[in-house]
Amino acid sequence: NLRQFSKSITGVDCFCIIAFASSLEIIPYILSENAGLEPIQVISKLKKLHFFGNKFAGINVKRGLIENMFKSNVVLPLLVLISTLNMSVEFVIQLLKIDDMVASI
């Protein structure tokens, strides 16, 4: 959805949203890779399922399948997810600030 949203925005903000979307897409890739699955196949299938409206599709690493996470009773509380994303974004912002300081020295 972020990539679709980025098409409605112009300028530098568009590139920032695309980069953020790309960084989020790495998560299922690494998860499937660490589970011993074929990441490219898993990501392709996951994108297809999400595109056709199956928004609860996710990777079940124990079974090595893509399943409906809601039906499998794998639910992440929204507060935990928001907190994790906020901390990750703040961390990247701090890294960029440090990088700017080092570049100016």
Protein backbone atom coordinates (compact mmCIF):
# COMPACT_ATOMS: atom_id res chain seq x y z
CA ASN A 1 0.00 0.00 0.00
CA LEU A 2 2.90 2.37 0.61
CA ARG A 3 4.07 2.04 -2.99
CA GLN A 4 0.56 2.85 -4.21
CA PHE A 5 0.45 5.84 -1.85
CA SER A 6 3.84 7.07 -3.11
CA LYS A 7 2.38 7.43 -6.62
CA SER A 8 0.03 10.11 -5.32
CA ILE A 9 2.89 12.21 -3.91
CA THR A 10 5.48 14.25 -5.78
CA GLY A 11 8.97 15.41 -4.95
CA VAL A 12 11.46 14.05 -2.44
CA ASP A 13 8.71 12.72 -0.18
CA CYS A 14 7.84 10.18 -2.86
CA PHE A 15 11.36 8.72 -2.78
CA CYS A 16 11.33 8.59 1.02
CA ILE A 17 8.09 6.61 1.03
CA ILE A 18 9.40 4.20 -1.60
CA ALA A 19 12.59 3.65 0.41
CA PHE A 20 10.57 3.05 3.57
CA ALA A 21 8.36 0.54 1.72
CA SER A 22 11.46 -1.26 0.46
CA SER A 23 12.87 -1.46 3.97
CA LEU A 24 9.64 -3.05 5.24
CA GLU A 25 9.67 -5.60 2.40
CA ILE A 26 13.02 -6.90 3.65
CA ILE A 27 11.43 -8.25 6.84
CA PRO A 28 9.51 -11.19 5.28
CA TYR A 29 12.47 -11.88 2.99
CA ILE A 30 14.86 -12.32 5.92
CA LEU A 31 12.24 -14.22 7.93
CA SER A 32 11.72 -16.73 5.13
CA GLU A 33 15.46 -17.00 4.52
CA ASN A 34 16.13 -17.71 8.20
CA ALA A 35 13.38 -20.33 8.19
CA GLY A 36 15.13 -22.20 5.38
CA LEU A 37 12.52 -21.31 2.76
CA GLU A 38 13.05 -19.91 -0.73
CA PRO A 39 12.67 -16.16 -0.06
CA ILE A 40 11.90 -15.10 -3.62
CA GLN A 41 9.12 -17.67 -3.99
CA VAL A 42 7.69 -16.83 -0.59
CA ILE A 43 7.71 -13.08 -1.23
CA SER A 44 6.11 -13.53 -4.66
CA LYS A 45 3.33 -15.67 -3.24
CA LEU A 46 2.85 -13.33 -0.29
CA LYS A 47 2.60 -10.26 -2.55
CA LYS A 48 0.11 -12.08 -4.77
CA LEU A 49 -2.08 -13.02 -1.81
CA HIS A 50 -1.95 -9.49 -0.40
CA PHE A 51 -2.75 -8.02 -3.81
CA PHE A 52 -5.89 -10.14 -4.05
CA GLY A 53 -7.09 -9.00 -0.63
CA ASN A 54 -5.79 -11.69 1.69
CA LYS A 55 -4.31 -9.18 4.13
CA PHE A 56 -3.81 -11.75 6.89
CA ALA A 57 -1.47 -13.93 4.82
CA GLY A 58 1.88 -14.45 6.50
CA ILE A 59 4.78 -16.85 6.86
CA ASN A 60 4.35 -19.76 9.26
CA VAL A 61 8.00 -20.63 9.85
CA LYS A 62 7.19 -23.74 11.90
CA ARG A 63 5.27 -25.36 9.05
CA GLY A 64 7.12 -23.66 6.19
CA LEU A 65 3.91 -22.39 4.63
CA ILE A 66 2.12 -19.18 3.91
CA GLU A 67 -1.07 -19.19 5.95
CA ASN A 68 -3.78 -16.93 7.24
CA MET A 69 -2.10 -15.71 10.42
CA PHE A 70 -5.39 -14.70 12.01
CA LYS A 71 -6.83 -18.21 11.61
CA SER A 72 -3.52 -19.69 12.83
CA ASN A 73 -3.90 -17.54 15.97
CA VAL A 74 -0.69 -15.60 15.31
CA VAL A 75 -1.64 -12.07 16.28
CA LEU A 76 0.74 -9.23 17.08
CA PRO A 77 -0.73 -6.50 19.26
CA LEU A 78 -0.93 -3.20 17.42
CA LEU A 79 0.75 -1.32 20.26
CA VAL A 80 3.82 -3.58 20.03
CA LEU A 81 4.01 -3.14 16.25
CA ILE A 82 3.68 0.65 16.42
CA SER A 83 6.28 0.86 19.19
CA THR A 84 8.74 -1.30 17.22
CA LEU A 85 8.29 0.73 14.04
CA ASN A 86 8.66 4.02 15.92
CA MET A 87 11.87 2.90 17.60
CA SER A 88 13.25 1.66 14.28
CA VAL A 89 12.52 4.93 12.51
CA GLU A 90 13.98 6.96 15.38
CA PHE A 91 17.12 4.81 15.26
CA VAL A 92 17.56 5.43 11.54
CA ILE A 93 17.05 9.16 12.04
CA GLN A 94 19.78 9.18 14.71
CA LEU A 95 22.12 7.27 12.38
CA LEU A 96 21.52 9.80 9.64
CA LYS A 97 22.21 12.67 12.04
CA ILE A 98 25.48 11.04 13.12
CA ASP A 99 26.39 10.46 9.48
CA ASP A 100 25.80 14.16 8.74
CA MET A 101 28.03 15.14 11.68
CA VAL A 102 30.84 12.83 10.60
CA ALA A 103 30.61 14.08 7.01
CA SER A 104 30.94 17.70 8.18
CA ILE A 105 34.12 17.00 10.18
